[in-house]
Amino acid sequence: VIFLFLSLNARTNDKIKISVLTCSAGDELYSA
């Protein structure tokens, strides 16, 4: 059971995509 749980958890994390999103400047001062 422990092995299956860890395997499932590993496969779940392997399906995860992590990205950095970079947004251009805006017109407001706080978004400049």
Full PDB file with SEQRES, HELIX, SHEET, SSBOND, CRYST1, ORIGX, SCALE, CONECT and MASTER records, all heavy atoms in Angstrom:
SEQRES   1 A   32  VAL ILE PHE LEU PHE LEU SER LEU ASN ALA ARG THR ASN          
SEQRES   2 A   32  ASP LYS ILE LYS ILE SER VAL LEU THR CYS SER ALA GLY          
SEQRES   3 A   32  ASP GLU LEU TYR SER ALA                                      
HELIX    1 AA1 ILE A    2  ASP A   14  1                                  13    
HELIX    2 AA2 LEU A   29  SER A   31  5                                   3    
CRYST1    1.000    1.000    1.000  90.00  90.00  90.00 P 1           1          
ORIGX1      1.000000  0.000000  0.000000        0.00000                         
ORIGX2      0.000000  1.000000  0.000000        0.00000                         
ORIGX3      0.000000  0.000000  1.000000        0.00000                         
SCALE1      1.000000  0.000000  0.000000        0.00000                         
SCALE2      0.000000  1.000000  0.000000        0.00000                         
SCALE3      0.000000  0.000000  1.000000        0.00000                         
ATOM      1  N   VAL A   1       0.835  -1.211   0.000  1.00  0.00           N  
ATOM      2  CA  VAL A   1       0.000   0.000   0.000  1.00  0.00           C  
ATOM      3  C   VAL A   1       0.864   1.252   0.000  1.00  0.00           C  
ATOM      4  O   VAL A   1       0.612   2.207  -0.750  1.00  0.00           O  
ATOM      5  CB  VAL A   1      -0.956  -0.001   1.219  1.00  0.00           C  
ATOM      6  CG1 VAL A   1      -1.634   1.357   1.360  1.00  0.00           C  
ATOM      7  CG2 VAL A   1      -1.997  -1.103   1.075  1.00  0.00           C  
ATOM      8  N   ILE A   2       1.908   1.241   0.831  1.00  0.00           N  
ATOM      9  CA  ILE A   2       2.821   2.379   0.892  1.00  0.00           C  
ATOM     10  C   ILE A   2       3.503   2.594  -0.458  1.00  0.00           C  
ATOM     11  O   ILE A   2       3.602   3.728  -0.970  1.00  0.00           O  
ATOM     12  CB  ILE A   2       3.885   2.177   1.992  1.00  0.00           C  
ATOM     13  CG1 ILE A   2       3.224   2.177   3.373  1.00  0.00           C  
ATOM     14  CG2 ILE A   2       4.960   3.261   1.910  1.00  0.00           C  
ATOM     15  CD1 ILE A   2       2.587   3.489   3.761  1.00  0.00           C  
ATOM     16  N   PHE A   3       3.936   1.509  -1.086  1.00  0.00           N  
ATOM     17  CA  PHE A   3       4.596   1.595  -2.392  1.00  0.00           C  
ATOM     18  C   PHE A   3       3.665   2.171  -3.450  1.00  0.00           C  
ATOM     19  O   PHE A   3       4.044   3.042  -4.231  1.00  0.00           O  
ATOM     20  CB  PHE A   3       5.078   0.204  -2.806  1.00  0.00           C  
ATOM     21  CG  PHE A   3       5.659   0.167  -4.193  1.00  0.00           C  
ATOM     22  CD1 PHE A   3       6.925   0.668  -4.450  1.00  0.00           C  
ATOM     23  CD2 PHE A   3       4.910  -0.341  -5.257  1.00  0.00           C  
ATOM     24  CE1 PHE A   3       7.436   0.655  -5.730  1.00  0.00           C  
ATOM     25  CE2 PHE A   3       5.424  -0.353  -6.537  1.00  0.00           C  
ATOM     26  CZ  PHE A   3       6.701   0.149  -6.772  1.00  0.00           C  
ATOM     27  N   LEU A   4       2.406   1.676  -3.447  1.00  0.00           N  
ATOM     28  CA  LEU A   4       1.442   2.166  -4.423  1.00  0.00           C  
ATOM     29  C   LEU A   4       1.124   3.637  -4.210  1.00  0.00           C  
ATOM     30  O   LEU A   4       0.976   4.404  -5.166  1.00  0.00           O  
ATOM     31  CB  LEU A   4       0.155   1.329  -4.357  1.00  0.00           C  
ATOM     32  CG  LEU A   4       0.271  -0.107  -4.854  1.00  0.00           C  
ATOM     33  CD1 LEU A   4      -1.021  -0.878  -4.562  1.00  0.00           C  
ATOM     34  CD2 LEU A   4       0.589  -0.147  -6.347  1.00  0.00           C  
ATOM     35  N   PHE A   5       1.024   4.034  -2.927  1.00  0.00           N  
ATOM     36  CA  PHE A   5       0.735   5.447  -2.604  1.00  0.00           C  
ATOM     37  C   PHE A   5       1.864   6.345  -3.096  1.00  0.00           C  
ATOM     38  O   PHE A   5       1.633   7.387  -3.715  1.00  0.00           O  
ATOM     39  CB  PHE A   5       0.550   5.619  -1.097  1.00  0.00           C  
ATOM     40  CG  PHE A   5       0.395   7.054  -0.662  1.00  0.00           C  
ATOM     41  CD1 PHE A   5      -0.801   7.726  -0.828  1.00  0.00           C  
ATOM     42  CD2 PHE A   5       1.480   7.737  -0.098  1.00  0.00           C  
ATOM     43  CE1 PHE A   5      -0.938   9.057  -0.447  1.00  0.00           C  
ATOM     44  CE2 PHE A   5       1.347   9.054   0.275  1.00  0.00           C  
ATOM     45  CZ  PHE A   5       0.141   9.706   0.108  1.00  0.00           C  
ATOM     46  N   LEU A   6       3.103   5.948  -2.822  1.00  0.00           N  
ATOM     47  CA  LEU A   6       4.245   6.755  -3.239  1.00  0.00           C  
ATOM     48  C   LEU A   6       4.356   6.803  -4.754  1.00  0.00           C  
ATOM     49  O   LEU A   6       4.678   7.841  -5.339  1.00  0.00           O  
ATOM     50  CB  LEU A   6       5.537   6.199  -2.628  1.00  0.00           C  
ATOM     51  CG  LEU A   6       5.667   6.321  -1.104  1.00  0.00           C  
ATOM     52  CD1 LEU A   6       6.936   5.621  -0.608  1.00  0.00           C  
ATOM     53  CD2 LEU A   6       5.687   7.787  -0.679  1.00  0.00           C  
ATOM     54  N   SER A   7       4.059   5.684  -5.404  1.00  0.00           N  
ATOM     55  CA  SER A   7       4.112   5.657  -6.863  1.00  0.00           C  
ATOM     56  C   SER A   7       3.057   6.571  -7.464  1.00  0.00           C  
ATOM     57  O   SER A   7       3.314   7.309  -8.414  1.00  0.00           O  
ATOM     58  CB  SER A   7       3.894   4.224  -7.370  1.00  0.00           C  
ATOM     59  OG  SER A   7       4.914   3.377  -6.887  1.00  0.00           O  
ATOM     60  N   LEU A   8       1.854   6.526  -6.884  1.00  0.00           N  
ATOM     61  CA  LEU A   8       0.777   7.386  -7.367  1.00  0.00           C  
ATOM     62  C   LEU A   8       1.120   8.852  -7.161  1.00  0.00           C  
ATOM     63  O   LEU A   8       0.901   9.691  -8.030  1.00  0.00           O  
ATOM     64  CB  LEU A   8      -0.525   7.036  -6.646  1.00  0.00           C  
ATOM     65  CG  LEU A   8      -1.757   7.881  -7.011  1.00  0.00           C  
ATOM     66  CD1 LEU A   8      -2.090   7.697  -8.497  1.00  0.00           C  
ATOM     67  CD2 LEU A   8      -2.942   7.498  -6.134  1.00  0.00           C  
ATOM     68  N   ASN A   9       1.707   9.163  -5.985  1.00  0.00           N  
ATOM     69  CA  ASN A   9       2.076  10.536  -5.677  1.00  0.00           C  
ATOM     70  C   ASN A   9       3.162  11.036  -6.627  1.00  0.00           C  
ATOM     71  O   ASN A   9       3.134  12.179  -7.095  1.00  0.00           O  
ATOM     72  CB  ASN A   9       2.563  10.629  -4.226  1.00  0.00           C  
ATOM     73  CG  ASN A   9       2.729  12.069  -3.767  1.00  0.00           C  
ATOM     74  OD1 ASN A   9       1.815  12.857  -3.894  1.00  0.00           O  
ATOM     75  ND2 ASN A   9       3.911  12.388  -3.251  1.00  0.00           N  
ATOM     76  N   ALA A  10       4.111  10.147  -6.952  1.00  0.00           N  
ATOM     77  CA  ALA A  10       5.189  10.523  -7.871  1.00  0.00           C  
ATOM     78  C   ALA A  10       4.632  10.795  -9.262  1.00  0.00           C  
ATOM     79  O   ALA A  10       5.016  11.754  -9.929  1.00  0.00           O  
ATOM     80  CB  ALA A  10       6.242   9.425  -7.919  1.00  0.00           C  
ATOM     81  N   ARG A  11       3.692   9.937  -9.716  1.00  0.00           N  
ATOM     82  CA  ARG A  11       3.104  10.130 -11.030  1.00  0.00           C  
ATOM     83  C   ARG A  11       2.289  11.419 -11.078  1.00  0.00           C  
ATOM     84  O   ARG A  11       2.274  12.122 -12.083  1.00  0.00           O  
ATOM     85  CB  ARG A  11       2.218   8.927 -11.408  1.00  0.00           C  
ATOM     86  CG  ARG A  11       3.020   7.700 -11.824  1.00  0.00           C  
ATOM     87  CD  ARG A  11       2.122   6.713 -12.571  1.00  0.00           C  
ATOM     88  NE  ARG A  11       1.057   6.217 -11.723  1.00  0.00           N  
ATOM     89  CZ  ARG A  11       1.156   5.126 -10.953  1.00  0.00           C  
ATOM     90  NH1 ARG A  11       2.297   4.439 -10.917  1.00  0.00           N  
ATOM     91  NH2 ARG A  11       0.136   4.713 -10.235  1.00  0.00           N  
ATOM     92  N   THR A  12       1.608  11.725  -9.952  1.00  0.00           N  
ATOM     93  CA  THR A  12       0.826  12.964  -9.884  1.00  0.00           C  
ATOM     94  C   THR A  12       1.727  14.177 -10.030  1.00  0.00           C  
ATOM     95  O   THR A  12       1.445  15.102 -10.798  1.00  0.00           O  
ATOM     96  CB  THR A  12       0.054  13.043  -8.553  1.00  0.00           C  
ATOM     97  OG1 THR A  12      -0.831  11.928  -8.474  1.00  0.00           O  
ATOM     98  CG2 THR A  12      -0.738  14.333  -8.471  1.00  0.00           C  
ATOM     99  N   ASN A  13       2.853  14.205  -9.290  1.00  0.00           N  
ATOM    100  CA  ASN A  13       3.780  15.331  -9.372  1.00  0.00           C  
ATOM    101  C   ASN A  13       4.428  15.412 -10.745  1.00  0.00           C  
ATOM    102  O   ASN A  13       4.767  16.494 -11.225  1.00  0.00           O  
ATOM    103  CB  ASN A  13       4.862  15.203  -8.289  1.00  0.00           C  
ATOM    104  CG  ASN A  13       4.329  15.559  -6.901  1.00  0.00           C  
ATOM    105  OD1 ASN A  13       3.698  16.586  -6.739  1.00  0.00           O  
ATOM    106  ND2 ASN A  13       4.562  14.711  -5.931  1.00  0.00           N  
ATOM    107  N   ASP A  14       4.607  14.243 -11.395  1.00  0.00           N  
ATOM    108  CA  ASP A  14       5.208  14.239 -12.718  1.00  0.00           C  
ATOM    109  C   ASP A  14       4.278  14.868 -13.748  1.00  0.00           C  
ATOM    110  O   ASP A  14       4.723  15.327 -14.800  1.00  0.00           O  
ATOM    111  CB  ASP A  14       5.547  12.803 -13.115  1.00  0.00           C  
ATOM    112  CG  ASP A  14       6.519  12.772 -14.283  1.00  0.00           C  
ATOM    113  OD1 ASP A  14       7.493  13.543 -14.251  1.00  0.00           O  
ATOM    114  OD2 ASP A  14       6.289  11.996 -15.222  1.00  0.00           O  
ATOM    115  N   LYS A  15       2.992  14.889 -13.462  1.00  0.00           N  
ATOM    116  CA  LYS A  15       2.009  15.485 -14.360  1.00  0.00           C  
ATOM    117  C   LYS A  15       1.883  17.004 -14.158  1.00  0.00           C  
ATOM    118  O   LYS A  15       1.120  17.664 -14.840  1.00  0.00           O  
ATOM    119  CB  LYS A  15       0.635  14.840 -14.147  1.00  0.00           C  
ATOM    120  CG  LYS A  15       0.553  13.372 -14.545  1.00  0.00           C  
ATOM    121  CD  LYS A  15       0.652  13.193 -16.051  1.00  0.00           C  
ATOM    122  CE  LYS A  15       0.472  11.737 -16.451  1.00  0.00           C  
ATOM    123  NZ  LYS A  15       0.587  11.546 -17.913  1.00  0.00           N  
ATOM    124  N   ILE A  16       2.607  17.505 -13.187  1.00  0.00           N  
ATOM    125  CA  ILE A  16       2.516  18.929 -12.868  1.00  0.00           C  
ATOM    126  C   ILE A  16       3.485  19.726 -13.734  1.00  0.00           C  
ATOM    127  O   ILE A  16       4.654  19.364 -13.878  1.00  0.00           O  
ATOM    128  CB  ILE A  16       2.800  19.176 -11.378  1.00  0.00           C  
ATOM    129  CG1 ILE A  16       1.653  18.635 -10.528  1.00  0.00           C  
ATOM    130  CG2 ILE A  16       3.003  20.670 -11.100  1.00  0.00           C  
ATOM    131  CD1 ILE A  16       1.881  18.753  -9.040  1.00  0.00           C  
ATOM    132  N   LYS A  17       2.982  20.801 -14.302  1.00  0.00           N  
ATOM    133  CA  LYS A  17       3.815  21.735 -15.066  1.00  0.00           C  
ATOM    134  C   LYS A  17       3.921  23.030 -14.270  1.00  0.00           C  
ATOM    135  O   LYS A  17       2.910  23.615 -13.883  1.00  0.00           O  
ATOM    136  CB  LYS A  17       3.195  22.015 -16.434  1.00  0.00           C  
ATOM    137  CG  LYS A  17       4.034  22.976 -17.278  1.00  0.00           C  
ATOM    138  CD  LYS A  17       3.397  23.250 -18.642  1.00  0.00           C  
ATOM    139  CE  LYS A  17       2.320  24.298 -18.542  1.00  0.00           C  
ATOM    140  NZ  LYS A  17       1.873  24.775 -19.878  1.00  0.00           N  
ATOM    141  N   ILE A  18       5.153  23.472 -14.026  1.00  0.00           N  
ATOM    142  CA  ILE A  18       5.382  24.717 -13.289  1.00  0.00           C  
ATOM    143  C   ILE A  18       6.043  25.718 -14.224  1.00  0.00           C  
ATOM    144  O   ILE A  18       7.044  25.405 -14.884  1.00  0.00           O  
ATOM    145  CB  ILE A  18       6.246  24.472 -12.041  1.00  0.00           C  
ATOM    146  CG1 ILE A  18       5.508  23.548 -11.065  1.00  0.00           C  
ATOM    147  CG2 ILE A  18       6.589  25.800 -11.366  1.00  0.00           C  
ATOM    148  CD1 ILE A  18       6.269  23.232  -9.810  1.00  0.00           C  
ATOM    149  N   SER A  19       5.461  26.906 -14.295  1.00  0.00           N  
ATOM    150  CA  SER A  19       5.943  27.925 -15.232  1.00  0.00           C  
ATOM    151  C   SER A  19       6.064  29.269 -14.530  1.00  0.00           C  
ATOM    152  O   SER A  19       5.332  29.561 -13.578  1.00  0.00           O  
ATOM    153  CB  SER A  19       4.989  28.075 -16.414  1.00  0.00           C  
ATOM    154  OG  SER A  19       4.697  26.837 -17.007  1.00  0.00           O  
ATOM    155  N   VAL A  20       6.982  30.074 -15.043  1.00  0.00           N  
ATOM    156  CA  VAL A  20       7.078  31.478 -14.638  1.00  0.00           C  
ATOM    157  C   VAL A  20       6.298  32.306 -15.649  1.00  0.00           C  
ATOM    158  O   VAL A  20       6.495  32.170 -16.863  1.00  0.00           O  
ATOM    159  CB  VAL A  20       8.545  31.937 -14.582  1.00  0.00           C  
ATOM    160  CG1 VAL A  20       8.616  33.439 -14.278  1.00  0.00           C  
ATOM    161  CG2 VAL A  20       9.310  31.153 -13.539  1.00  0.00           C  
ATOM    162  N   LEU A  21       5.405  33.157 -15.147  1.00  0.00           N  
ATOM    163  CA  LEU A  21       4.641  34.064 -16.002  1.00  0.00           C  
ATOM    164  C   LEU A  21       5.193  35.478 -15.821  1.00  0.00           C  
ATOM    165  O   LEU A  21       5.275  35.976 -14.700  1.00  0.00           O  
ATOM    166  CB  LEU A  21       3.159  34.035 -15.632  1.00  0.00           C  
ATOM    167  CG  LEU A  21       2.440  32.687 -15.760  1.00  0.00           C  
ATOM    168  CD1 LEU A  21       1.000  32.812 -15.282  1.00  0.00           C  
ATOM    169  CD2 LEU A  21       2.484  32.161 -17.188  1.00  0.00           C  
ATOM    170  N   THR A  22       5.581  36.095 -16.924  1.00  0.00           N  
ATOM    171  CA  THR A  22       6.102  37.462 -16.877  1.00  0.00           C  
ATOM    172  C   THR A  22       5.159  38.373 -17.654  1.00  0.00           C  
ATOM    173  O   THR A  22       4.894  38.129 -18.840  1.00  0.00           O  
ATOM    174  CB  THR A  22       7.514  37.537 -17.488  1.00  0.00           C  
ATOM    175  OG1 THR A  22       8.374  36.635 -16.781  1.00  0.00           O  
ATOM    176  CG2 THR A  22       8.064  38.946 -17.387  1.00  0.00           C  
ATOM    177  N   CYS A  23       4.667  39.394 -16.973  1.00  0.00           N  
ATOM    178  CA  CYS A  23       3.705  40.327 -17.577  1.00  0.00           C  
ATOM    179  C   CYS A  23       4.390  41.662 -17.840  1.00  0.00           C  
ATOM    180  O   CYS A  23       5.189  42.129 -17.026  1.00  0.00           O  
ATOM    181  CB  CYS A  23       2.504  40.532 -16.649  1.00  0.00           C  
ATOM    182  SG  CYS A  23       1.728  38.985 -16.128  1.00  0.00           S  
ATOM    183  N   SER A  24       4.045  42.267 -18.952  1.00  0.00           N  
ATOM    184  CA  SER A  24       4.625  43.564 -19.297  1.00  0.00           C  
ATOM    185  C   SER A  24       4.056  44.657 -18.390  1.00  0.00           C  
ATOM    186  O   SER A  24       3.088  44.447 -17.659  1.00  0.00           O  
ATOM    187  CB  SER A  24       4.351  43.897 -20.761  1.00  0.00           C  
ATOM    188  OG  SER A  24       2.958  43.978 -20.994  1.00  0.00           O  
ATOM    189  N   ALA A  25       4.663  45.832 -18.461  1.00  0.00           N  
ATOM    190  CA  ALA A  25       4.258  46.954 -17.609  1.00  0.00           C  
ATOM    191  C   ALA A  25       2.856  47.447 -17.972  1.00  0.00           C  
ATOM    192  O   ALA A  25       2.422  47.341 -19.119  1.00  0.00           O  
ATOM    193  CB  ALA A  25       5.266  48.084 -17.731  1.00  0.00           C  
ATOM    194  N   GLY A  26       2.183  48.005 -16.969  1.00  0.00           N  
ATOM    195  CA  GLY A  26       0.870  48.593 -17.175  1.00  0.00           C  
ATOM    196  C   GLY A  26       0.926  50.111 -17.085  1.00  0.00           C  
ATOM    197  O   GLY A  26       1.995  50.709 -16.923  1.00  0.00           O  
ATOM    198  N   ASP A  27      -0.238  50.739 -17.161  1.00  0.00           N  
ATOM    199  CA  ASP A  27      -0.305  52.206 -17.141  1.00  0.00           C  
ATOM    200  C   ASP A  27      -0.308  52.783 -15.731  1.00  0.00           C  
ATOM    201  O   ASP A  27       0.111  53.928 -15.524  1.00  0.00           O  
ATOM    202  CB  ASP A  27      -1.565  52.680 -17.881  1.00  0.00           C  
ATOM    203  CG  ASP A  27      -1.526  52.333 -19.362  1.00  0.00           C  
ATOM    204  OD1 ASP A  27      -0.422  52.345 -19.923  1.00  0.00           O  
ATOM    205  OD2 ASP A  27      -2.593  52.047 -19.934  1.00  0.00           O  
ATOM    206  N   GLU A  28      -0.804  52.019 -14.755  1.00  0.00           N  
ATOM    207  CA  GLU A  28      -0.876  52.517 -13.387  1.00  0.00           C  
ATOM    208  C   GLU A  28       0.516  52.498 -12.750  1.00  0.00           C  
ATOM    209  O   GLU A  28       1.386  51.717 -13.133  1.00  0.00           O  
ATOM    210  CB  GLU A  28      -1.833  51.665 -12.555  1.00  0.00           C  
ATOM    211  CG  GLU A  28      -3.246  51.588 -13.109  1.00  0.00           C  
ATOM    212  CD  GLU A  28      -3.943  52.934 -13.122  1.00  0.00           C  
ATOM    213  OE1 GLU A  28      -3.574  53.792 -12.299  1.00  0.00           O  
ATOM    214  OE2 GLU A  28      -4.848  53.129 -13.938  1.00  0.00           O  
ATOM    215  N   LEU A  29       0.701  53.353 -11.740  1.00  0.00           N  
ATOM    216  CA  LEU A  29       1.999  53.458 -11.079  1.00  0.00           C  
ATOM    217  C   LEU A  29       2.429  52.122 -10.492  1.00  0.00           C  
ATOM    218  O   LEU A  29       3.589  51.709 -10.624  1.00  0.00           O  
ATOM    219  CB  LEU A  29       1.934  54.528  -9.981  1.00  0.00           C  
ATOM    220  CG  LEU A  29       3.218  54.745  -9.174  1.00  0.00           C  
ATOM    221  CD1 LEU A  29       4.358  55.166 -10.093  1.00  0.00           C  
ATOM    222  CD2 LEU A  29       2.989  55.793  -8.082  1.00  0.00           C  
ATOM    223  N   TYR A  30       1.504  51.410  -9.843  1.00  0.00           N  
ATOM    224  CA  TYR A  30       1.859  50.152  -9.180  1.00  0.00           C  
ATOM    225  C   TYR A  30       2.184  49.035 -10.179  1.00  0.00           C  
ATOM    226  O   TYR A  30       2.767  48.017  -9.810  1.00  0.00           O  
ATOM    227  CB  TYR A  30       0.740  49.701  -8.233  1.00  0.00           C  
ATOM    228  CG  TYR A  30      -0.578  49.389  -8.914  1.00  0.00           C  
ATOM    229  CD1 TYR A  30      -0.811  48.144  -9.495  1.00  0.00           C  
ATOM    230  CD2 TYR A  30      -1.594  50.338  -8.971  1.00  0.00           C  
ATOM    231  CE1 TYR A  30      -2.014  47.865 -10.126  1.00  0.00           C  
ATOM    232  CE2 TYR A  30      -2.797  50.063  -9.606  1.00  0.00           C  
ATOM    233  CZ  TYR A  30      -2.994  48.822 -10.177  1.00  0.00           C  
ATOM    234  OH  TYR A  30      -4.189  48.540 -10.801  1.00  0.00           O  
ATOM    235  N   SER A  31       1.823  49.227 -11.452  1.00  0.00           N  
ATOM    236  CA  SER A  31       2.093  48.202 -12.467  1.00  0.00           C  
ATOM    237  C   SER A  31       3.180  48.635 -13.452  1.00  0.00           C  
ATOM    238  O   SER A  31       3.392  47.987 -14.471  1.00  0.00           O  
ATOM    239  CB  SER A  31       0.817  47.860 -13.231  1.00  0.00           C  
ATOM    240  OG  SER A  31       0.331  48.985 -13.945  1.00  0.00           O  
ATOM    241  N   ALA A  32       3.879  49.722 -13.127  1.00  0.00           N  
ATOM    242  CA  ALA A  32       4.830  50.322 -14.076  1.00  0.00           C  
ATOM    243  C   ALA A  32       6.050  49.450 -14.343  1.00  0.00           C  
ATOM    244  O   ALA A  32       6.768  49.679 -15.321  1.00  0.00           O  
ATOM    245  CB  ALA A  32       5.281  51.687 -13.557  1.00  0.00           C  
TER     246      ALA A  32                                                      
MASTER        0    0    0    2    0    0    0    6  245    1    0    3          
END                                                                             
